[in-house]
Amino acid sequence: MFHERSWRKSTYSGPEGDTACVEVSLAQDALVRDSKATRGDALVFSIQAWRAFVASVA
């Protein structure tokens, strides 16, 4: 279900091959997953909650 979505790696991740980062997929909701475990679980947030989070850390 999550695998068909488009994912973006964090801009704060290190150079190519660095394994310490997260990926996000934005659609009707916001999914966040560990880039090392792309077949694993993802955290699910509403778009409103995701925007509030991003605004608070920006």
PDB file of N, CA and C in Angstrom:
ATOM      1  N   MET A   1       0.818  -1.191   0.000  1.00  0.00           N
ATOM      2  CA  MET A   1       0.000   0.000   0.000  1.00  0.00           C
ATOM      3  C   MET A   1       0.866   1.260   0.000  1.00  0.00           C
ATOM      4  N   PHE A   2       1.877   1.340   0.867  1.00  0.00           N
ATOM      5  CA  PHE A   2       2.733   2.516   0.931  1.00  0.00           C
ATOM      6  C   PHE A   2       3.768   2.529  -0.186  1.00  0.00           C
ATOM      7  N   HIS A   3       4.021   1.375  -0.778  1.00  0.00           N
ATOM      8  CA  HIS A   3       5.113   1.256  -1.732  1.00  0.00           C
ATOM      9  C   HIS A   3       4.799   1.881  -3.087  1.00  0.00           C
ATOM     10  N   GLU A   4       3.524   2.051  -3.420  1.00  0.00           N
ATOM     11  CA  GLU A   4       3.156   2.651  -4.702  1.00  0.00           C
ATOM     12  C   GLU A   4       3.262   4.167  -4.683  1.00  0.00           C
ATOM     13  N   ARG A   5       3.471   4.746  -3.521  1.00  0.00           N
ATOM     14  CA  ARG A   5       3.516   6.201  -3.400  1.00  0.00           C
ATOM     15  C   ARG A   5       4.888   6.738  -3.775  1.00  0.00           C
ATOM     16  N   SER A   6       4.921   8.025  -4.099  1.00  0.00           N
ATOM     17  CA  SER A   6       6.174   8.710  -4.393  1.00  0.00           C
ATOM     18  C   SER A   6       6.777   9.187  -3.069  1.00  0.00           C
ATOM     19  N   TRP A   7       8.074   8.908  -2.877  1.00  0.00           N
ATOM     20  CA  TRP A   7       8.757   9.251  -1.632  1.00  0.00           C
ATOM     21  C   TRP A   7       9.895  10.221  -1.914  1.00  0.00           C
ATOM     22  N   ARG A   8      10.132  11.159  -0.968  1.00  0.00           N
ATOM     23  CA  ARG A   8      11.252  12.095  -1.062  1.00  0.00           C
ATOM     24  C   ARG A   8      12.126  11.945   0.179  1.00  0.00           C
ATOM     25  N   LYS A   9      13.423  11.942  -0.053  1.00  0.00           N
ATOM     26  CA  LYS A   9      14.380  11.845   1.054  1.00  0.00           C
ATOM     27  C   LYS A   9      14.584  13.227   1.664  1.00  0.00           C
ATOM     28  N   SER A  10      14.812  13.265   2.942  1.00  0.00           N
ATOM     29  CA  SER A  10      15.057  14.514   3.648  1.00  0.00           C
ATOM     30  C   SER A  10      16.222  15.279   3.031  1.00  0.00           C
ATOM     31  N   THR A  11      16.077  16.593   2.913  1.00  0.00           N
ATOM     32  CA  THR A  11      17.174  17.421   2.399  1.00  0.00           C
ATOM     33  C   THR A  11      18.301  17.531   3.421  1.00  0.00           C
ATOM     34  N   TYR A  12      18.049  17.136   4.655  1.00  0.00           N
ATOM     35  CA  TYR A  12      19.070  17.155   5.696  1.00  0.00           C
ATOM     36  C   TYR A  12      19.872  15.863   5.757  1.00  0.00           C
ATOM     37  N   SER A  13      19.576  14.917   4.892  1.00  0.00           N
ATOM     38  CA  SER A  13      20.332  13.670   4.887  1.00  0.00           C
ATOM     39  C   SER A  13      21.724  13.920   4.327  1.00  0.00           C
ATOM     40  N   GLY A  14      22.613  13.026   4.630  1.00  0.00           N
ATOM     41  CA  GLY A  14      24.006  13.170   4.202  1.00  0.00           C
ATOM     42  C   GLY A  14      24.188  12.818   2.742  1.00  0.00           C
ATOM     43  N   PRO A  15      25.419  12.578   2.361  1.00  0.00           N
ATOM     44  CA  PRO A  15      25.726  12.242   0.970  1.00  0.00           C
ATOM     45  C   PRO A  15      25.059  10.939   0.542  1.00  0.00           C
ATOM     46  N   GLU A  16      25.013  10.713  -0.745  1.00  0.00           N
ATOM     47  CA  GLU A  16      24.400   9.498  -1.293  1.00  0.00           C
ATOM     48  C   GLU A  16      24.951   8.276  -0.569  1.00  0.00           C
ATOM     49  N   GLY A  17      24.066   7.376  -0.178  1.00  0.00           N
ATOM     50  CA  GLY A  17      24.479   6.180   0.543  1.00  0.00           C
ATOM     51  C   GLY A  17      24.403   6.338   2.050  1.00  0.00           C
ATOM     52  N   ASP A  18      24.243   7.572   2.550  1.00  0.00           N
ATOM     53  CA  ASP A  18      24.100   7.783   3.988  1.00  0.00           C
ATOM     54  C   ASP A  18      22.794   7.147   4.427  1.00  0.00           C
ATOM     55  N   THR A  19      22.821   6.410   5.512  1.00  0.00           N
ATOM     56  CA  THR A  19      21.627   5.670   5.935  1.00  0.00           C
ATOM     57  C   THR A  19      20.866   6.340   7.066  1.00  0.00           C
ATOM     58  N   ALA A  20      21.290   7.501   7.516  1.00  0.00           N
ATOM     59  CA  ALA A  20      20.644   8.159   8.647  1.00  0.00           C
ATOM     60  C   ALA A  20      19.685   9.245   8.158  1.00  0.00           C
ATOM     61  N   CYS A  21      18.558   8.834   7.595  1.00  0.00           N
ATOM     62  CA  CYS A  21      17.607   9.842   7.140  1.00  0.00           C
ATOM     63  C   CYS A  21      16.197   9.261   7.074  1.00  0.00           C
ATOM     64  N   VAL A  22      15.251  10.122   6.829  1.00  0.00           N
ATOM     65  CA  VAL A  22      13.860   9.728   6.685  1.00  0.00           C
ATOM     66  C   VAL A  22      13.364  10.121   5.303  1.00  0.00           C
ATOM     67  N   GLU A  23      12.246   9.528   4.911  1.00  0.00           N
ATOM     68  CA  GLU A  23      11.581   9.865   3.653  1.00  0.00           C
ATOM     69  C   GLU A  23      10.148  10.243   3.970  1.00  0.00           C
ATOM     70  N   VAL A  24       9.574  11.114   3.147  1.00  0.00           N
ATOM     71  CA  VAL A  24       8.196  11.539   3.334  1.00  0.00           C
ATOM     72  C   VAL A  24       7.437  11.381   2.023  1.00  0.00           C
ATOM     73  N   SER A  25       6.173  11.032   2.152  1.00  0.00           N
ATOM     74  CA  SER A  25       5.275  10.930   1.010  1.00  0.00           C
ATOM     75  C   SER A  25       4.034  11.758   1.325  1.00  0.00           C
ATOM     76  N   LEU A  26       3.747  12.728   0.470  1.00  0.00           N
ATOM     77  CA  LEU A  26       2.602  13.610   0.688  1.00  0.00           C
ATOM     78  C   LEU A  26       1.521  13.334  -0.344  1.00  0.00           C
ATOM     79  N   ALA A  27       0.327  13.078   0.119  1.00  0.00           N
ATOM     80  CA  ALA A  27      -0.838  12.865  -0.743  1.00  0.00           C
ATOM     81  C   ALA A  27      -2.037  13.400   0.040  1.00  0.00           C
ATOM     82  N   GLN A  28      -3.028  12.563   0.294  1.00  0.00           N
ATOM     83  CA  GLN A  28      -4.153  12.972   1.136  1.00  0.00           C
ATOM     84  C   GLN A  28      -3.714  13.060   2.593  1.00  0.00           C
ATOM     85  N   ASP A  29      -2.581  12.431   2.898  1.00  0.00           N
ATOM     86  CA  ASP A  29      -1.998  12.418   4.225  1.00  0.00           C
ATOM     87  C   ASP A  29      -0.491  12.536   4.081  1.00  0.00           C
ATOM     88  N   ALA A  30       0.216  12.523   5.183  1.00  0.00           N
ATOM     89  CA  ALA A  30       1.681  12.574   5.162  1.00  0.00           C
ATOM     90  C   ALA A  30       2.203  11.310   5.819  1.00  0.00           C
ATOM     91  N   LEU A  31       3.020  10.570   5.087  1.00  0.00           N
ATOM     92  CA  LEU A  31       3.649   9.366   5.620  1.00  0.00           C
ATOM     93  C   LEU A  31       5.137   9.633   5.791  1.00  0.00           C
ATOM     94  N   VAL A  32       5.696   9.145   6.882  1.00  0.00           N
ATOM     95  CA  VAL A  32       7.121   9.300   7.166  1.00  0.00           C
ATOM     96  C   VAL A  32       7.673   7.918   7.472  1.00  0.00           C
ATOM     97  N   ARG A  33       8.795   7.566   6.826  1.00  0.00           N
ATOM     98  CA  ARG A  33       9.393   6.250   7.062  1.00  0.00           C
ATOM     99  C   ARG A  33      10.911   6.367   7.153  1.00  0.00           C
ATOM    100  N   ASP A  34      11.507   5.353   7.718  1.00  0.00           N
ATOM    101  CA  ASP A  34      12.965   5.241   7.810  1.00  0.00           C
ATOM    102  C   ASP A  34      13.486   4.809   6.449  1.00  0.00           C
ATOM    103  N   SER A  35      14.447   5.526   5.907  1.00  0.00           N
ATOM    104  CA  SER A  35      14.961   5.197   4.573  1.00  0.00           C
ATOM    105  C   SER A  35      15.716   3.865   4.550  1.00  0.00           C
ATOM    106  N   LYS A  36      16.124   3.367   5.713  1.00  0.00           N
ATOM    107  CA  LYS A  36      16.806   2.071   5.770  1.00  0.00           C
ATOM    108  C   LYS A  36      15.813   0.913   5.763  1.00  0.00           C
ATOM    109  N   ALA A  37      14.540   1.196   6.064  1.00  0.00           N
ATOM    110  CA  ALA A  37      13.530   0.135   6.195  1.00  0.00           C
ATOM    111  C   ALA A  37      12.298   0.501   5.368  1.00  0.00           C
ATOM    112  N   THR A  38      12.482   0.632   4.068  1.00  0.00           N
ATOM    113  CA  THR A  38      11.396   1.107   3.210  1.00  0.00           C
ATOM    114  C   THR A  38      10.229   0.140   3.128  1.00  0.00           C
ATOM    115  N   ARG A  39      10.417  -1.106   3.498  1.00  0.00           N
ATOM    116  CA  ARG A  39       9.322  -2.086   3.516  1.00  0.00           C
ATOM    117  C   ARG A  39       8.652  -2.159   4.884  1.00  0.00           C
ATOM    118  N   GLY A  40       9.154  -1.372   5.825  1.00  0.00           N
ATOM    119  CA  GLY A  40       8.610  -1.389   7.182  1.00  0.00           C
ATOM    120  C   GLY A  40       7.434  -0.445   7.341  1.00  0.00           C
ATOM    121  N   ASP A  41       7.105  -0.192   8.576  1.00  0.00           N
ATOM    122  CA  ASP A  41       5.984   0.683   8.904  1.00  0.00           C
ATOM    123  C   ASP A  41       6.304   2.145   8.608  1.00  0.00           C
ATOM    124  N   ALA A  42       5.256   2.944   8.544  1.00  0.00           N
ATOM    125  CA  ALA A  42       5.394   4.387   8.352  1.00  0.00           C
ATOM    126  C   ALA A  42       4.507   5.094   9.361  1.00  0.00           C
ATOM    127  N   LEU A  43       4.936   6.262   9.788  1.00  0.00           N
ATOM    128  CA  LEU A  43       4.099   7.106  10.636  1.00  0.00           C
ATOM    129  C   LEU A  43       3.132   7.848   9.728  1.00  0.00           C
ATOM    130  N   VAL A  44       1.879   7.977  10.152  1.00  0.00           N
ATOM    131  CA  VAL A  44       0.863   8.630   9.334  1.00  0.00           C
ATOM    132  C   VAL A  44       0.374   9.881  10.065  1.00  0.00           C
ATOM    133  N   PHE A  45       0.382  11.007   9.355  1.00  0.00           N
ATOM    134  CA  PHE A  45      -0.081  12.281   9.887  1.00  0.00           C
ATOM    135  C   PHE A  45      -1.086  12.883   8.919  1.00  0.00           C
ATOM    136  N   SER A  46      -1.994  13.675   9.442  1.00  0.00           N
ATOM    137  CA  SER A  46      -2.868  14.443   8.548  1.00  0.00           C
ATOM    138  C   SER A  46      -2.012  15.529   7.896  1.00  0.00           C
ATOM    139  N   ILE A  47      -2.457  16.020   6.767  1.00  0.00           N
ATOM    140  CA  ILE A  47      -1.721  17.099   6.094  1.00  0.00           C
ATOM    141  C   ILE A  47      -1.632  18.324   7.005  1.00  0.00           C
ATOM    142  N   GLN A  48      -2.705  18.636   7.724  1.00  0.00           N
ATOM    143  CA  GLN A  48      -2.694  19.784   8.634  1.00  0.00           C
ATOM    144  C   GLN A  48      -1.655  19.603   9.738  1.00  0.00           C
ATOM    145  N   ALA A  49      -1.574  18.399  10.307  1.00  0.00           N
ATOM    146  CA  ALA A  49      -0.579  18.138  11.353  1.00  0.00           C
ATOM    147  C   ALA A  49       0.830  18.225  10.788  1.00  0.00           C
ATOM    148  N   TRP A  50       1.040  17.711   9.571  1.00  0.00           N
ATOM    149  CA  TRP A  50       2.358  17.768   8.948  1.00  0.00           C
ATOM    150  C   TRP A  50       2.772  19.219   8.707  1.00  0.00           C
ATOM    151  N   ARG A  51       1.862  20.039   8.190  1.00  0.00           N
ATOM    152  CA  ARG A  51       2.177  21.451   7.939  1.00  0.00           C
ATOM    153  C   ARG A  51       2.500  22.166   9.237  1.00  0.00           C
ATOM    154  N   ALA A  52       1.769  21.878  10.312  1.00  0.00           N
ATOM    155  CA  ALA A  52       2.047  22.490  11.608  1.00  0.00           C
ATOM    156  C   ALA A  52       3.424  22.078  12.112  1.00  0.00           C
ATOM    157  N   PHE A  53       3.783  20.809  11.937  1.00  0.00           N
ATOM    158  CA  PHE A  53       5.105  20.329  12.348  1.00  0.00           C
ATOM    159  C   PHE A  53       6.202  21.049  11.572  1.00  0.00           C
ATOM    160  N   VAL A  54       6.070  21.088  10.247  1.00  0.00           N
ATOM    161  CA  VAL A  54       7.085  21.726   9.410  1.00  0.00           C
ATOM    162  C   VAL A  54       7.211  23.205   9.758  1.00  0.00           C
ATOM    163  N   ALA A  55       6.108  23.884   9.993  1.00  0.00           N
ATOM    164  CA  ALA A  55       6.159  25.296  10.350  1.00  0.00           C
ATOM    165  C   ALA A  55       6.858  25.516  11.696  1.00  0.00           C
ATOM    166  N   SER A  56       6.700  24.568  12.616  1.00  0.00           N
ATOM    167  CA  SER A  56       7.307  24.735  13.935  1.00  0.00           C
ATOM    168  C   SER A  56       8.811  24.474  13.942  1.00  0.00           C
ATOM    169  N   VAL A  57       9.312  23.719  12.979  1.00  0.00           N
ATOM    170  CA  VAL A  57      10.747  23.435  12.940  1.00  0.00           C
ATOM    171  C   VAL A  57      11.493  24.249  11.893  1.00  0.00           C
ATOM    172  N   ALA A  58      10.767  24.970  11.068  1.00  0.00           N
ATOM    173  CA  ALA A  58      11.402  25.759   9.996  1.00  0.00           C
ATOM    174  C   ALA A  58      11.971  27.046  10.526  1.00  0.00           C
TER     175      ALA A  58
END
